[in-house]
Amino acid sequence: MNIGAASDASGVSQRMIRHYEKIGLVPAPPRRGSYRDYGDVDVHRLRFIANARDLGFPIEEIRTLLGLWSDRDRSSAEVKALAESRAAELGRKVRALEAMRSTLVDLVDRCHGDDRPDCPIIRSMEG
């Protein structure tokens, strides 16, 4: 199948497929004339990458996961450790975002939002 069909089948944009090829996450498929010729294995790999991205894994960890995925002698402990680490990092980010949101809500509540120039939101950003 061509890149458009692979994109449709995997849910990964053509631009991202080309990017993944460029960085070596997806092997360059054989060509039929000037067109890339993708197979079911390529689509499966692209779906794996898309699912890993949706779970918040960065590219280098996805590269590691792809290696583990293709290694039938791997232990699931390696995969679990990677996932636990990613979940912990996402937890840290959630807490940081909640703190930012809480600060903004507090500032919004203290701002009169009228014609006066006095604004606690601006004062807060001034330091």
C-alpha atoms as a PDB file:
ATOM      1  CA  MET A   1       0.000   0.000   0.000  1.00  0.00           C
ATOM      2  CA  ASN A   2       1.144   3.580  -0.552  1.00  0.00           C
ATOM      3  CA  ILE A   3       1.819   6.078   2.247  1.00  0.00           C
ATOM      4  CA  GLY A   4      -1.736   7.463   2.113  1.00  0.00           C
ATOM      5  CA  ALA A   5      -3.254   4.024   2.607  1.00  0.00           C
ATOM      6  CA  ALA A   6      -0.742   3.253   5.387  1.00  0.00           C
ATOM      7  CA  SER A   7      -1.660   6.539   7.037  1.00  0.00           C
ATOM      8  CA  ASP A   8      -5.374   5.751   6.839  1.00  0.00           C
ATOM      9  CA  ALA A   9      -4.870   2.214   8.139  1.00  0.00           C
ATOM     10  CA  SER A  10      -2.616   3.214  11.036  1.00  0.00           C
ATOM     11  CA  GLY A  11      -4.082   6.577  12.015  1.00  0.00           C
ATOM     12  CA  VAL A  12      -0.625   8.157  11.713  1.00  0.00           C
ATOM     13  CA  SER A  13      -0.285  11.170   9.430  1.00  0.00           C
ATOM     14  CA  GLN A  14       1.866  10.914   6.322  1.00  0.00           C
ATOM     15  CA  ARG A  15       4.092  13.654   7.708  1.00  0.00           C
ATOM     16  CA  MET A  16       4.704  11.664  10.910  1.00  0.00           C
ATOM     17  CA  ILE A  17       5.334   8.455   8.961  1.00  0.00           C
ATOM     18  CA  ARG A  18       8.058  10.252   6.986  1.00  0.00           C
ATOM     19  CA  HIS A  19       9.461  11.674  10.227  1.00  0.00           C
ATOM     20  CA  TYR A  20       9.534   8.244  11.888  1.00  0.00           C
ATOM     21  CA  GLU A  21      11.362   6.885   8.846  1.00  0.00           C
ATOM     22  CA  LYS A  22      13.839   9.766   8.942  1.00  0.00           C
ATOM     23  CA  ILE A  23      14.723   9.165  12.611  1.00  0.00           C
ATOM     24  CA  GLY A  24      14.876   5.391  12.161  1.00  0.00           C
ATOM     25  CA  LEU A  25      11.823   4.479  14.241  1.00  0.00           C
ATOM     26  CA  VAL A  26      10.263   2.869  11.178  1.00  0.00           C
ATOM     27  CA  PRO A  27      12.444   1.217   8.561  1.00  0.00           C
ATOM     28  CA  ALA A  28      12.166   2.741   5.107  1.00  0.00           C
ATOM     29  CA  PRO A  29       9.854   0.493   3.105  1.00  0.00           C
ATOM     30  CA  PRO A  30      10.775  -0.859  -0.302  1.00  0.00           C
ATOM     31  CA  ARG A  31       9.794   1.309  -3.230  1.00  0.00           C
ATOM     32  CA  ARG A  32       7.660   0.495  -6.162  1.00  0.00           C
ATOM     33  CA  GLY A  33       8.829   3.026  -8.693  1.00  0.00           C
ATOM     34  CA  SER A  34       8.827   6.357  -6.855  1.00  0.00           C
ATOM     35  CA  TYR A  35       6.236   5.256  -4.264  1.00  0.00           C
ATOM     36  CA  ARG A  36       6.855   3.752  -0.834  1.00  0.00           C
ATOM     37  CA  ASP A  37       5.286   0.304  -0.558  1.00  0.00           C
ATOM     38  CA  TYR A  38       4.019  -0.380   2.986  1.00  0.00           C
ATOM     39  CA  GLY A  39       2.793  -3.711   4.275  1.00  0.00           C
ATOM     40  CA  ASP A  40       0.691  -4.897   7.196  1.00  0.00           C
ATOM     41  CA  VAL A  41       3.787  -5.216   9.385  1.00  0.00           C
ATOM     42  CA  ASP A  42       4.560  -1.521   8.816  1.00  0.00           C
ATOM     43  CA  VAL A  43       0.998  -0.521   9.696  1.00  0.00           C
ATOM     44  CA  HIS A  44       1.163  -2.640  12.857  1.00  0.00           C
ATOM     45  CA  ARG A  45       4.426  -0.932  13.852  1.00  0.00           C
ATOM     46  CA  LEU A  46       2.949   2.508  13.181  1.00  0.00           C
ATOM     47  CA  ARG A  47      -0.064   1.685  15.377  1.00  0.00           C
ATOM     48  CA  PHE A  48       2.283   0.534  18.138  1.00  0.00           C
ATOM     49  CA  ILE A  49       4.165   3.837  17.929  1.00  0.00           C
ATOM     50  CA  ALA A  50       0.929   5.852  17.917  1.00  0.00           C
ATOM     51  CA  ASN A  51      -0.367   3.979  20.971  1.00  0.00           C
ATOM     52  CA  ALA A  52       2.912   4.513  22.808  1.00  0.00           C
ATOM     53  CA  ARG A  53       2.811   8.241  21.967  1.00  0.00           C
ATOM     54  CA  ASP A  54      -0.770   8.420  23.245  1.00  0.00           C
ATOM     55  CA  LEU A  55       0.494   6.991  26.549  1.00  0.00           C
ATOM     56  CA  GLY A  56       3.065   9.777  26.795  1.00  0.00           C
ATOM     57  CA  PHE A  57       6.218   7.880  25.898  1.00  0.00           C
ATOM     58  CA  PRO A  58       8.929  10.034  24.295  1.00  0.00           C
ATOM     59  CA  ILE A  59      10.623   8.902  21.087  1.00  0.00           C
ATOM     60  CA  GLU A  60      13.707   7.371  22.739  1.00  0.00           C
ATOM     61  CA  GLU A  61      11.580   5.286  25.085  1.00  0.00           C
ATOM     62  CA  ILE A  62       9.434   4.218  22.142  1.00  0.00           C
ATOM     63  CA  ARG A  63      12.624   3.105  20.419  1.00  0.00           C
ATOM     64  CA  THR A  64      13.392   0.982  23.497  1.00  0.00           C
ATOM     65  CA  LEU A  65       9.827  -0.366  23.609  1.00  0.00           C
ATOM     66  CA  LEU A  66      10.018  -1.322  19.924  1.00  0.00           C
ATOM     67  CA  GLY A  67      13.189  -3.258  20.669  1.00  0.00           C
ATOM     68  CA  LEU A  68      11.498  -5.024  23.569  1.00  0.00           C
ATOM     69  CA  TRP A  69       8.380  -5.668  21.476  1.00  0.00           C
ATOM     70  CA  SER A  70      10.416  -7.451  18.829  1.00  0.00           C
ATOM     71  CA  ASP A  71      12.484  -9.407  21.386  1.00  0.00           C
ATOM     72  CA  ARG A  72      10.523 -12.558  22.196  1.00  0.00           C
ATOM     73  CA  ASP A  73      13.116 -13.471  24.860  1.00  0.00           C
ATOM     74  CA  ARG A  74      12.550 -10.278  26.839  1.00  0.00           C
ATOM     75  CA  SER A  75      11.155 -10.246  30.331  1.00  0.00           C
ATOM     76  CA  SER A  76       7.999  -8.303  30.999  1.00  0.00           C
ATOM     77  CA  ALA A  77       9.828  -6.739  33.962  1.00  0.00           C
ATOM     78  CA  GLU A  78      11.755  -4.494  31.554  1.00  0.00           C
ATOM     79  CA  VAL A  79       8.542  -3.258  29.974  1.00  0.00           C
ATOM     80  CA  LYS A  80       6.896  -2.789  33.350  1.00  0.00           C
ATOM     81  CA  ALA A  81       9.821  -0.746  34.662  1.00  0.00           C
ATOM     82  CA  LEU A  82       9.624   1.570  31.661  1.00  0.00           C
ATOM     83  CA  ALA A  83       5.866   1.988  32.085  1.00  0.00           C
ATOM     84  CA  GLU A  84       6.188   2.615  35.835  1.00  0.00           C
ATOM     85  CA  SER A  85       8.796   5.283  35.203  1.00  0.00           C
ATOM     86  CA  ARG A  86       6.602   6.966  32.588  1.00  0.00           C
ATOM     87  CA  ALA A  87       3.564   6.837  34.907  1.00  0.00           C
ATOM     88  CA  ALA A  88       5.593   8.464  37.699  1.00  0.00           C
ATOM     89  CA  GLU A  89       6.765  11.215  35.350  1.00  0.00           C
ATOM     90  CA  LEU A  90       3.194  11.833  34.194  1.00  0.00           C
ATOM     91  CA  GLY A  91       2.146  12.053  37.850  1.00  0.00           C
ATOM     92  CA  ARG A  92       4.771  14.741  38.464  1.00  0.00           C
ATOM     93  CA  LYS A  93       3.511  16.669  35.440  1.00  0.00           C
ATOM     94  CA  VAL A  94      -0.105  16.371  36.600  1.00  0.00           C
ATOM     95  CA  ARG A  95       0.817  17.778  40.013  1.00  0.00           C
ATOM     96  CA  ALA A  96       2.729  20.664  38.406  1.00  0.00           C
ATOM     97  CA  LEU A  97      -0.205  21.456  36.096  1.00  0.00           C
ATOM     98  CA  GLU A  98      -2.651  21.339  39.020  1.00  0.00           C
ATOM     99  CA  ALA A  99      -0.449  23.782  40.958  1.00  0.00           C
ATOM    100  CA  MET A 100      -0.339  26.147  37.959  1.00  0.00           C
ATOM    101  CA  ARG A 101      -4.091  25.898  37.520  1.00  0.00           C
ATOM    102  CA  SER A 102      -4.698  26.552  41.207  1.00  0.00           C
ATOM    103  CA  THR A 103      -2.495  29.661  41.102  1.00  0.00           C
ATOM    104  CA  LEU A 104      -4.274  30.972  38.018  1.00  0.00           C
ATOM    105  CA  VAL A 105      -7.728  30.361  39.499  1.00  0.00           C
ATOM    106  CA  ASP A 106      -6.667  32.214  42.655  1.00  0.00           C
ATOM    107  CA  LEU A 107      -5.349  35.148  40.602  1.00  0.00           C
ATOM    108  CA  VAL A 108      -8.509  35.257  38.480  1.00  0.00           C
ATOM    109  CA  ASP A 109     -10.647  35.263  41.629  1.00  0.00           C
ATOM    110  CA  ARG A 110      -8.675  38.220  43.026  1.00  0.00           C
ATOM    111  CA  CYS A 111      -8.828  40.245  39.789  1.00  0.00           C
ATOM    112  CA  HIS A 112     -11.738  42.680  39.542  1.00  0.00           C
ATOM    113  CA  GLY A 113     -11.728  42.544  35.745  1.00  0.00           C
ATOM    114  CA  ASP A 114     -12.951  46.120  35.491  1.00  0.00           C
ATOM    115  CA  ASP A 115     -11.655  49.358  33.949  1.00  0.00           C
ATOM    116  CA  ARG A 116      -9.012  49.900  36.626  1.00  0.00           C
ATOM    117  CA  PRO A 117      -5.399  49.126  35.682  1.00  0.00           C
ATOM    118  CA  ASP A 118      -4.693  47.384  39.008  1.00  0.00           C
ATOM    119  CA  CYS A 119      -4.496  43.662  38.301  1.00  0.00           C
ATOM    120  CA  PRO A 120      -3.156  40.914  40.584  1.00  0.00           C
ATOM    121  CA  ILE A 121      -2.544  38.693  37.555  1.00  0.00           C
ATOM    122  CA  ILE A 122      -0.110  41.202  36.022  1.00  0.00           C
ATOM    123  CA  ARG A 123       1.466  41.928  39.433  1.00  0.00           C
ATOM    124  CA  SER A 124       2.095  38.217  39.929  1.00  0.00           C
ATOM    125  CA  MET A 125       3.873  37.900  36.604  1.00  0.00           C
ATOM    126  CA  GLU A 126       6.006  40.975  37.392  1.00  0.00           C
ATOM    127  CA  GLY A 127       7.490  39.008  40.245  1.00  0.00           C
END
